[in-house]
């Protein structure tokens, strides 16, 4: 029984350290990125898509799974979401 408590305490400490490191790395203001409805069809079917890498950067974009509207490729999810939420999309 005492081993179980020790393992639980270690797991809790590890989770706390991970949370602190993640919070510090993200600037301390981690918030989920919210996507608005599709500017073309109005549906809430937008998804992030990773396109691959280019010069050590991961390329991401937002795609509507209903009508195929898409943003340009960006090196961060945040920039892709900002473009989507501003309505900067093109029809596939």
PDB file of N, CA and C in Angstrom:
ATOM      1  N   UNK A   1       0.820  -1.191   0.000  1.00  0.00           N
ATOM      2  CA  UNK A   1       0.000   0.000   0.000  1.00  0.00           C
ATOM      3  C   UNK A   1       0.863   1.254   0.000  1.00  0.00           C
ATOM      4  N   UNK A   2       1.967   1.238   0.738  1.00  0.00           N
ATOM      5  CA  UNK A   2       2.802   2.435   0.810  1.00  0.00           C
ATOM      6  C   UNK A   2       3.509   2.700  -0.517  1.00  0.00           C
ATOM      7  N   UNK A   3       3.812   1.622  -1.305  1.00  0.00           N
ATOM      8  CA  UNK A   3       4.411   1.832  -2.624  1.00  0.00           C
ATOM      9  C   UNK A   3       3.445   2.569  -3.545  1.00  0.00           C
ATOM     10  N   UNK A   4       2.172   2.259  -3.457  1.00  0.00           N
ATOM     11  CA  UNK A   4       1.168   2.920  -4.284  1.00  0.00           C
ATOM     12  C   UNK A   4       1.108   4.403  -3.964  1.00  0.00           C
ATOM     13  N   UNK A   5       1.160   4.746  -2.703  1.00  0.00           N
ATOM     14  CA  UNK A   5       1.134   6.150  -2.293  1.00  0.00           C
ATOM     15  C   UNK A   5       2.392   6.860  -2.774  1.00  0.00           C
ATOM     16  N   UNK A   6       3.546   6.202  -2.682  1.00  0.00           N
ATOM     17  CA  UNK A   6       4.802   6.782  -3.150  1.00  0.00           C
ATOM     18  C   UNK A   6       4.747   7.040  -4.653  1.00  0.00           C
ATOM     19  N   UNK A   7       4.256   6.064  -5.427  1.00  0.00           N
ATOM     20  CA  UNK A   7       4.147   6.229  -6.874  1.00  0.00           C
ATOM     21  C   UNK A   7       3.185   7.356  -7.234  1.00  0.00           C
ATOM     22  N   UNK A   8       2.092   7.441  -6.503  1.00  0.00           N
ATOM     23  CA  UNK A   8       1.118   8.511  -6.757  1.00  0.00           C
ATOM     24  C   UNK A   8       1.733   9.876  -6.463  1.00  0.00           C
ATOM     25  N   UNK A   9       2.492   9.960  -5.385  1.00  0.00           N
ATOM     26  CA  UNK A   9       3.141  11.226  -5.035  1.00  0.00           C
ATOM     27  C   UNK A   9       4.179  11.611  -6.091  1.00  0.00           C
ATOM     28  N   UNK A  10       4.957  10.646  -6.568  1.00  0.00           N
ATOM     29  CA  UNK A  10       5.948  10.925  -7.606  1.00  0.00           C
ATOM     30  C   UNK A  10       5.283  11.353  -8.909  1.00  0.00           C
ATOM     31  N   UNK A  11       4.200  10.682  -9.275  1.00  0.00           N
ATOM     32  CA  UNK A  11       3.479  11.041 -10.499  1.00  0.00           C
ATOM     33  C   UNK A  11       2.893  12.445 -10.390  1.00  0.00           C
ATOM     34  N   UNK A  12       2.364  12.782  -9.230  1.00  0.00           N
ATOM     35  CA  UNK A  12       1.827  14.129  -9.012  1.00  0.00           C
ATOM     36  C   UNK A  12       2.904  15.186  -9.084  1.00  0.00           C
ATOM     37  N   UNK A  13       4.072  14.896  -8.511  1.00  0.00           N
ATOM     38  CA  UNK A  13       5.182  15.842  -8.561  1.00  0.00           C
ATOM     39  C   UNK A  13       5.665  16.022  -9.990  1.00  0.00           C
ATOM     40  N   UNK A  14       5.766  14.931 -10.739  1.00  0.00           N
ATOM     41  CA  UNK A  14       6.202  15.011 -12.137  1.00  0.00           C
ATOM     42  C   UNK A  14       5.214  15.824 -12.956  1.00  0.00           C
ATOM     43  N   UNK A  15       3.924  15.633 -12.728  1.00  0.00           N
ATOM     44  CA  UNK A  15       2.913  16.395 -13.454  1.00  0.00           C
ATOM     45  C   UNK A  15       3.011  17.873 -13.116  1.00  0.00           C
ATOM     46  N   UNK A  16       3.263  18.192 -11.867  1.00  0.00           N
ATOM     47  CA  UNK A  16       3.422  19.588 -11.455  1.00  0.00           C
ATOM     48  C   UNK A  16       4.631  20.240 -12.097  1.00  0.00           C
ATOM     49  N   UNK A  17       5.743  19.517 -12.169  1.00  0.00           N
ATOM     50  CA  UNK A  17       6.949  20.040 -12.809  1.00  0.00           C
ATOM     51  C   UNK A  17       6.693  20.263 -14.293  1.00  0.00           C
ATOM     52  N   UNK A  18       6.037  19.306 -14.953  1.00  0.00           N
ATOM     53  CA  UNK A  18       5.726  19.454 -16.373  1.00  0.00           C
ATOM     54  C   UNK A  18       4.844  20.675 -16.596  1.00  0.00           C
ATOM     55  N   UNK A  19       3.816  20.862 -15.771  1.00  0.00           N
ATOM     56  CA  UNK A  19       2.918  21.997 -15.919  1.00  0.00           C
ATOM     57  C   UNK A  19       3.694  23.304 -15.748  1.00  0.00           C
ATOM     58  N   UNK A  20       4.567  23.367 -14.764  1.00  0.00           N
ATOM     59  CA  UNK A  20       5.350  24.581 -14.534  1.00  0.00           C
ATOM     60  C   UNK A  20       6.240  24.877 -15.730  1.00  0.00           C
ATOM     61  N   UNK A  21       6.921  23.846 -16.256  1.00  0.00           N
ATOM     62  CA  UNK A  21       7.815  24.049 -17.394  1.00  0.00           C
ATOM     63  C   UNK A  21       7.013  24.472 -18.629  1.00  0.00           C
ATOM     64  N   UNK A  22       5.851  23.853 -18.865  1.00  0.00           N
ATOM     65  CA  UNK A  22       5.032  24.203 -20.014  1.00  0.00           C
ATOM     66  C   UNK A  22       4.517  25.626 -19.877  1.00  0.00           C
ATOM     67  N   UNK A  23       4.066  25.985 -18.698  1.00  0.00           N
ATOM     68  CA  UNK A  23       3.546  27.326 -18.468  1.00  0.00           C
ATOM     69  C   UNK A  23       4.637  28.362 -18.667  1.00  0.00           C
ATOM     70  N   UNK A  24       5.842  28.063 -18.185  1.00  0.00           N
ATOM     71  CA  UNK A  24       6.954  28.994 -18.335  1.00  0.00           C
ATOM     72  C   UNK A  24       7.344  29.115 -19.807  1.00  0.00           C
ATOM     73  N   UNK A  25       7.385  28.012 -20.531  1.00  0.00           N
ATOM     74  CA  UNK A  25       7.771  28.028 -21.944  1.00  0.00           C
ATOM     75  C   UNK A  25       6.741  28.753 -22.801  1.00  0.00           C
ATOM     76  N   UNK A  26       5.477  28.681 -22.426  1.00  0.00           N
ATOM     77  CA  UNK A  26       4.434  29.313 -23.232  1.00  0.00           C
ATOM     78  C   UNK A  26       4.167  30.748 -22.803  1.00  0.00           C
ATOM     79  N   UNK A  27       4.988  31.283 -21.926  1.00  0.00           N
ATOM     80  CA  UNK A  27       4.798  32.655 -21.502  1.00  0.00           C
ATOM     81  C   UNK A  27       3.807  32.796 -20.367  1.00  0.00           C
ATOM     82  N   UNK A  28       3.314  31.683 -19.846  1.00  0.00           N
ATOM     83  CA  UNK A  28       2.441  31.731 -18.682  1.00  0.00           C
ATOM     84  C   UNK A  28       0.992  32.037 -18.989  1.00  0.00           C
ATOM     85  N   UNK A  29       0.647  32.247 -20.259  1.00  0.00           N
ATOM     86  CA  UNK A  29      -0.740  32.588 -20.551  1.00  0.00           C
ATOM     87  C   UNK A  29      -1.341  31.632 -21.569  1.00  0.00           C
ATOM     88  N   UNK A  30      -1.111  30.339 -21.363  1.00  0.00           N
ATOM     89  CA  UNK A  30      -1.639  29.335 -22.283  1.00  0.00           C
ATOM     90  C   UNK A  30      -3.160  29.370 -22.279  1.00  0.00           C
ATOM     91  N   UNK A  31      -3.714  29.531 -23.468  1.00  0.00           N
ATOM     92  CA  UNK A  31      -5.162  29.485 -23.636  1.00  0.00           C
ATOM     93  C   UNK A  31      -5.442  28.649 -24.878  1.00  0.00           C
ATOM     94  N   UNK A  32      -6.494  27.875 -24.882  1.00  0.00           N
ATOM     95  CA  UNK A  32      -6.825  27.130 -26.098  1.00  0.00           C
ATOM     96  C   UNK A  32      -7.137  28.088 -27.246  1.00  0.00           C
ATOM     97  N   UNK A  33      -6.755  27.699 -28.442  1.00  0.00           N
ATOM     98  CA  UNK A  33      -7.033  28.518 -29.611  1.00  0.00           C
ATOM     99  C   UNK A  33      -8.430  28.179 -30.097  1.00  0.00           C
ATOM    100  N   UNK A  34      -9.286  29.185 -30.189  1.00  0.00           N
ATOM    101  CA  UNK A  34     -10.649  28.959 -30.638  1.00  0.00           C
ATOM    102  C   UNK A  34     -10.800  29.411 -32.076  1.00  0.00           C
ATOM    103  N   UNK A  35     -11.483  28.599 -32.855  1.00  0.00           N
ATOM    104  CA  UNK A  35     -11.747  28.919 -34.252  1.00  0.00           C
ATOM    105  C   UNK A  35     -13.212  29.304 -34.416  1.00  0.00           C
ATOM    106  N   UNK A  36     -13.444  30.384 -35.161  1.00  0.00           N
ATOM    107  CA  UNK A  36     -14.811  30.800 -35.448  1.00  0.00           C
ATOM    108  C   UNK A  36     -15.414  29.870 -36.494  1.00  0.00           C
ATOM    109  N   UNK A  37     -16.698  30.040 -36.738  1.00  0.00           N
ATOM    110  CA  UNK A  37     -17.364  29.284 -37.797  1.00  0.00           C
ATOM    111  C   UNK A  37     -16.731  29.631 -39.138  1.00  0.00           C
ATOM    112  N   UNK A  38     -16.889  28.749 -40.104  1.00  0.00           N
ATOM    113  CA  UNK A  38     -16.321  28.955 -41.432  1.00  0.00           C
ATOM    114  C   UNK A  38     -16.891  30.233 -42.041  1.00  0.00           C
ATOM    115  N   UNK A  39     -16.034  31.117 -42.557  1.00  0.00           N
ATOM    116  CA  UNK A  39     -16.536  32.358 -43.156  1.00  0.00           C
ATOM    117  C   UNK A  39     -17.299  32.132 -44.469  1.00  0.00           C
ATOM    118  N   UNK A  40     -17.137  30.979 -45.098  1.00  0.00           N
ATOM    119  CA  UNK A  40     -17.824  30.717 -46.364  1.00  0.00           C
ATOM    120  C   UNK A  40     -19.137  29.970 -46.179  1.00  0.00           C
ATOM    121  N   UNK A  41     -19.140  28.877 -45.413  1.00  0.00           N
ATOM    122  CA  UNK A  41     -20.370  28.085 -45.274  1.00  0.00           C
ATOM    123  C   UNK A  41     -21.063  28.271 -43.924  1.00  0.00           C
ATOM    124  N   UNK A  42     -20.379  28.861 -42.944  1.00  0.00           N
ATOM    125  CA  UNK A  42     -20.995  29.129 -41.646  1.00  0.00           C
ATOM    126  C   UNK A  42     -21.001  27.967 -40.673  1.00  0.00           C
ATOM    127  N   UNK A  43     -20.454  26.818 -41.062  1.00  0.00           N
ATOM    128  CA  UNK A  43     -20.440  25.644 -40.195  1.00  0.00           C
ATOM    129  C   UNK A  43     -19.279  25.706 -39.211  1.00  0.00           C
ATOM    130  N   UNK A  44     -19.424  25.019 -38.086  1.00  0.00           N
ATOM    131  CA  UNK A  44     -18.359  24.940 -37.076  1.00  0.00           C
ATOM    132  C   UNK A  44     -17.574  23.649 -37.306  1.00  0.00           C
ATOM    133  N   UNK A  45     -16.942  23.534 -38.469  1.00  0.00           N
ATOM    134  CA  UNK A  45     -16.236  22.307 -38.830  1.00  0.00           C
ATOM    135  C   UNK A  45     -14.772  22.570 -39.161  1.00  0.00           C
ATOM    136  N   UNK A  46     -14.199  23.629 -38.613  1.00  0.00           N
ATOM    137  CA  UNK A  46     -12.802  23.978 -38.890  1.00  0.00           C
ATOM    138  C   UNK A  46     -11.858  23.093 -38.080  1.00  0.00           C
ATOM    139  N   UNK A  47     -10.775  22.675 -38.711  1.00  0.00           N
ATOM    140  CA  UNK A  47      -9.765  21.826 -38.074  1.00  0.00           C
ATOM    141  C   UNK A  47      -8.375  22.346 -38.433  1.00  0.00           C
ATOM    142  N   UNK A  48      -7.437  22.179 -37.504  1.00  0.00           N
ATOM    143  CA  UNK A  48      -6.033  22.469 -37.791  1.00  0.00           C
ATOM    144  C   UNK A  48      -5.449  21.292 -38.560  1.00  0.00           C
ATOM    145  N   UNK A  49      -4.627  21.589 -39.558  1.00  0.00           N
ATOM    146  CA  UNK A  49      -3.965  20.564 -40.350  1.00  0.00           C
ATOM    147  C   UNK A  49      -2.485  20.915 -40.418  1.00  0.00           C
ATOM    148  N   UNK A  50      -1.633  19.940 -40.132  1.00  0.00           N
ATOM    149  CA  UNK A  50      -0.196  20.125 -40.262  1.00  0.00           C
ATOM    150  C   UNK A  50       0.208  19.651 -41.643  1.00  0.00           C
ATOM    151  N   UNK A  51       0.842  20.535 -42.395  1.00  0.00           N
ATOM    152  CA  UNK A  51       1.173  20.254 -43.787  1.00  0.00           C
ATOM    153  C   UNK A  51       2.548  19.619 -43.962  1.00  0.00           C
ATOM    154  N   UNK A  52       3.422  19.739 -42.992  1.00  0.00           N
ATOM    155  CA  UNK A  52       4.777  19.212 -43.099  1.00  0.00           C
ATOM    156  C   UNK A  52       5.757  20.235 -42.568  1.00  0.00           C
ATOM    157  N   UNK A  53       7.013  20.090 -42.961  1.00  0.00           N
ATOM    158  CA  UNK A  53       8.033  21.024 -42.487  1.00  0.00           C
ATOM    159  C   UNK A  53       8.708  21.715 -43.660  1.00  0.00           C
ATOM    160  N   UNK A  54       9.188  22.915 -43.406  1.00  0.00           N
ATOM    161  CA  UNK A  54       9.917  23.695 -44.384  1.00  0.00           C
ATOM    162  C   UNK A  54      10.984  24.477 -43.637  1.00  0.00           C
ATOM    163  N   UNK A  55      12.238  24.190 -43.926  1.00  0.00           N
ATOM    164  CA  UNK A  55      13.368  24.853 -43.263  1.00  0.00           C
ATOM    165  C   UNK A  55      13.230  24.795 -41.743  1.00  0.00           C
ATOM    166  N   UNK A  56      12.954  23.639 -41.211  1.00  0.00           N
ATOM    167  CA  UNK A  56      12.856  23.367 -39.770  1.00  0.00           C
ATOM    168  C   UNK A  56      11.636  23.991 -39.112  1.00  0.00           C
ATOM    169  N   UNK A  57      10.691  24.505 -39.881  1.00  0.00           N
ATOM    170  CA  UNK A  57       9.445  25.035 -39.337  1.00  0.00           C
ATOM    171  C   UNK A  57       8.304  24.112 -39.744  1.00  0.00           C
ATOM    172  N   UNK A  58       7.375  23.905 -38.846  1.00  0.00           N
ATOM    173  CA  UNK A  58       6.193  23.117 -39.160  1.00  0.00           C
ATOM    174  C   UNK A  58       5.152  24.041 -39.774  1.00  0.00           C
ATOM    175  N   UNK A  59       4.604  23.636 -40.908  1.00  0.00           N
ATOM    176  CA  UNK A  59       3.596  24.440 -41.583  1.00  0.00           C
ATOM    177  C   UNK A  59       2.207  23.956 -41.204  1.00  0.00           C
ATOM    178  N   UNK A  60       1.362  24.887 -40.784  1.00  0.00           N
ATOM    179  CA  UNK A  60       0.012  24.579 -40.336  1.00  0.00           C
ATOM    180  C   UNK A  60      -0.986  25.443 -41.086  1.00  0.00           C
ATOM    181  N   UNK A  61      -2.199  24.947 -41.213  1.00  0.00           N
ATOM    182  CA  UNK A  61      -3.285  25.747 -41.757  1.00  0.00           C
ATOM    183  C   UNK A  61      -4.593  25.261 -41.163  1.00  0.00           C
ATOM    184  N   UNK A  62      -5.649  26.027 -41.392  1.00  0.00           N
ATOM    185  CA  UNK A  62      -6.984  25.671 -40.923  1.00  0.00           C
ATOM    186  C   UNK A  62      -7.810  25.319 -42.151  1.00  0.00           C
ATOM    187  N   UNK A  63      -8.562  24.227 -42.049  1.00  0.00           N
ATOM    188  CA  UNK A  63      -9.380  23.753 -43.159  1.00  0.00           C
ATOM    189  C   UNK A  63     -10.793  23.492 -42.658  1.00  0.00           C
ATOM    190  N   UNK A  64     -11.781  23.877 -43.451  1.00  0.00           N
ATOM    191  CA  UNK A  64     -13.179  23.545 -43.163  1.00  0.00           C
ATOM    192  C   UNK A  64     -13.459  22.186 -43.770  1.00  0.00           C
ATOM    193  N   UNK A  65     -13.881  21.243 -42.968  1.00  0.00           N
ATOM    194  CA  UNK A  65     -14.148  19.893 -43.476  1.00  0.00           C
ATOM    195  C   UNK A  65     -15.480  19.811 -44.208  1.00  0.00           C
ATOM    196  N   UNK A  66     -16.285  20.867 -44.142  1.00  0.00           N
ATOM    197  CA  UNK A  66     -17.570  20.870 -44.828  1.00  0.00           C
ATOM    198  C   UNK A  66     -17.443  21.375 -46.268  1.00  0.00           C
ATOM    199  N   UNK A  67     -16.843  22.558 -46.469  1.00  0.00           N
ATOM    200  CA  UNK A  67     -16.804  23.154 -47.807  1.00  0.00           C
ATOM    201  C   UNK A  67     -15.400  23.192 -48.412  1.00  0.00           C
ATOM    202  N   UNK A  68     -14.361  22.902 -47.619  1.00  0.00           N
ATOM    203  CA  UNK A  68     -13.008  22.881 -48.148  1.00  0.00           C
ATOM    204  C   UNK A  68     -12.284  24.208 -48.098  1.00  0.00           C
ATOM    205  N   UNK A  69     -12.863  25.227 -47.482  1.00  0.00           N
ATOM    206  CA  UNK A  69     -12.172  26.512 -47.347  1.00  0.00           C
ATOM    207  C   UNK A  69     -10.893  26.305 -46.545  1.00  0.00           C
ATOM    208  N   UNK A  70      -9.847  27.072 -46.878  1.00  0.00           N
ATOM    209  CA  UNK A  70      -8.566  26.888 -46.218  1.00  0.00           C
ATOM    210  C   UNK A  70      -7.813  28.205 -46.105  1.00  0.00           C
ATOM    211  N   UNK A  71      -6.950  28.274 -45.123  1.00  0.00           N
ATOM    212  CA  UNK A  71      -6.052  29.418 -44.996  1.00  0.00           C
ATOM    213  C   UNK A  71      -4.753  29.101 -45.728  1.00  0.00           C
ATOM    214  N   UNK A  72      -3.871  30.078 -45.799  1.00  0.00           N
ATOM    215  CA  UNK A  72      -2.519  29.831 -46.290  1.00  0.00           C
ATOM    216  C   UNK A  72      -1.775  29.012 -45.246  1.00  0.00           C
ATOM    217  N   UNK A  73      -0.569  28.577 -45.567  1.00  0.00           N
ATOM    218  CA  UNK A  73       0.275  27.855 -44.608  1.00  0.00           C
ATOM    219  C   UNK A  73       0.978  28.850 -43.701  1.00  0.00           C
ATOM    220  N   UNK A  74       1.005  28.541 -42.407  1.00  0.00           N
ATOM    221  CA  UNK A  74       1.668  29.389 -41.416  1.00  0.00           C
ATOM    222  C   UNK A  74       2.585  28.530 -40.556  1.00  0.00           C
ATOM    223  N   UNK A  75       3.557  29.165 -39.920  1.00  0.00           N
ATOM    224  CA  UNK A  75       4.497  28.426 -39.078  1.00  0.00           C
ATOM    225  C   UNK A  75       4.002  28.278 -37.649  1.00  0.00           C
ATOM    226  N   UNK A  76       2.832  28.799 -37.333  1.00  0.00           N
ATOM    227  CA  UNK A  76       2.282  28.600 -35.988  1.00  0.00           C
ATOM    228  C   UNK A  76       0.766  28.431 -36.075  1.00  0.00           C
ATOM    229  N   UNK A  77       0.231  27.689 -35.127  1.00  0.00           N
ATOM    230  CA  UNK A  77      -1.210  27.517 -35.052  1.00  0.00           C
ATOM    231  C   UNK A  77      -1.898  28.849 -34.788  1.00  0.00           C
ATOM    232  N   UNK A  78      -1.259  29.684 -33.982  1.00  0.00           N
ATOM    233  CA  UNK A  78      -1.849  30.966 -33.613  1.00  0.00           C
ATOM    234  C   UNK A  78      -2.055  31.844 -34.847  1.00  0.00           C
ATOM    235  N   UNK A  79      -1.054  31.916 -35.722  1.00  0.00           N
ATOM    236  CA  UNK A  79      -1.176  32.739 -36.928  1.00  0.00           C
ATOM    237  C   UNK A  79      -2.226  32.175 -37.873  1.00  0.00           C
ATOM    238  N   UNK A  80      -2.284  30.855 -37.990  1.00  0.00           N
ATOM    239  CA  UNK A  80      -3.299  30.227 -38.841  1.00  0.00           C
ATOM    240  C   UNK A  80      -4.703  30.525 -38.298  1.00  0.00           C
ATOM    241  N   UNK A  81      -4.863  30.448 -36.980  1.00  0.00           N
ATOM    242  CA  UNK A  81      -6.161  30.725 -36.364  1.00  0.00           C
ATOM    243  C   UNK A  81      -6.549  32.184 -36.540  1.00  0.00           C
ATOM    244  N   UNK A  82      -5.584  33.092 -36.412  1.00  0.00           N
ATOM    245  CA  UNK A  82      -5.874  34.518 -36.600  1.00  0.00           C
ATOM    246  C   UNK A  82      -6.350  34.791 -38.020  1.00  0.00           C
ATOM    247  N   UNK A  83      -5.694  34.178 -39.006  1.00  0.00           N
ATOM    248  CA  UNK A  83      -6.104  34.366 -40.396  1.00  0.00           C
ATOM    249  C   UNK A  83      -7.518  33.811 -40.603  1.00  0.00           C
ATOM    250  N   UNK A  84      -7.796  32.635 -40.040  1.00  0.00           N
ATOM    251  CA  UNK A  84      -9.119  32.026 -40.172  1.00  0.00           C
ATOM    252  C   UNK A  84     -10.183  32.915 -39.544  1.00  0.00           C
ATOM    253  N   UNK A  85      -9.920  33.376 -38.337  1.00  0.00           N
ATOM    254  CA  UNK A  85     -10.904  34.177 -37.620  1.00  0.00           C
ATOM    255  C   UNK A  85     -11.125  35.541 -38.266  1.00  0.00           C
ATOM    256  N   UNK A  86     -10.157  36.035 -39.043  1.00  0.00           N
ATOM    257  CA  UNK A  86     -10.324  37.300 -39.784  1.00  0.00           C
ATOM    258  C   UNK A  86     -11.048  37.082 -41.107  1.00  0.00           C
ATOM    259  N   UNK A  87     -11.220  35.829 -41.510  1.00  0.00           N
ATOM    260  CA  UNK A  87     -11.886  35.530 -42.763  1.00  0.00           C
ATOM    261  C   UNK A  87     -10.959  35.462 -43.956  1.00  0.00           C
ATOM    262  N   UNK A  88      -9.654  35.367 -43.711  1.00  0.00           N
ATOM    263  CA  UNK A  88      -8.662  35.296 -44.783  1.00  0.00           C
ATOM    264  C   UNK A  88      -8.538  33.853 -45.273  1.00  0.00           C
ATOM    265  N   UNK A  89      -9.549  33.413 -46.027  1.00  0.00           N
ATOM    266  CA  UNK A  89      -9.594  32.031 -46.505  1.00  0.00           C
ATOM    267  C   UNK A  89      -9.780  32.016 -48.017  1.00  0.00           C
ATOM    268  N   UNK A  90      -9.522  30.868 -48.594  1.00  0.00           N
ATOM    269  CA  UNK A  90      -9.753  30.688 -50.029  1.00  0.00           C
ATOM    270  C   UNK A  90     -10.478  29.359 -50.223  1.00  0.00           C
ATOM    271  N   UNK A  91     -11.237  29.290 -51.274  1.00  0.00           N
ATOM    272  CA  UNK A  91     -11.971  28.069 -51.590  1.00  0.00           C
ATOM    273  C   UNK A  91     -11.012  27.091 -52.261  1.00  0.00           C
ATOM    274  N   UNK A  92     -11.048  25.856 -51.817  1.00  0.00           N
ATOM    275  CA  UNK A  92     -10.136  24.826 -52.356  1.00  0.00           C
ATOM    276  C   UNK A  92     -10.512  24.438 -53.754  1.00  0.00           C
TER     277      UNK A  92
END
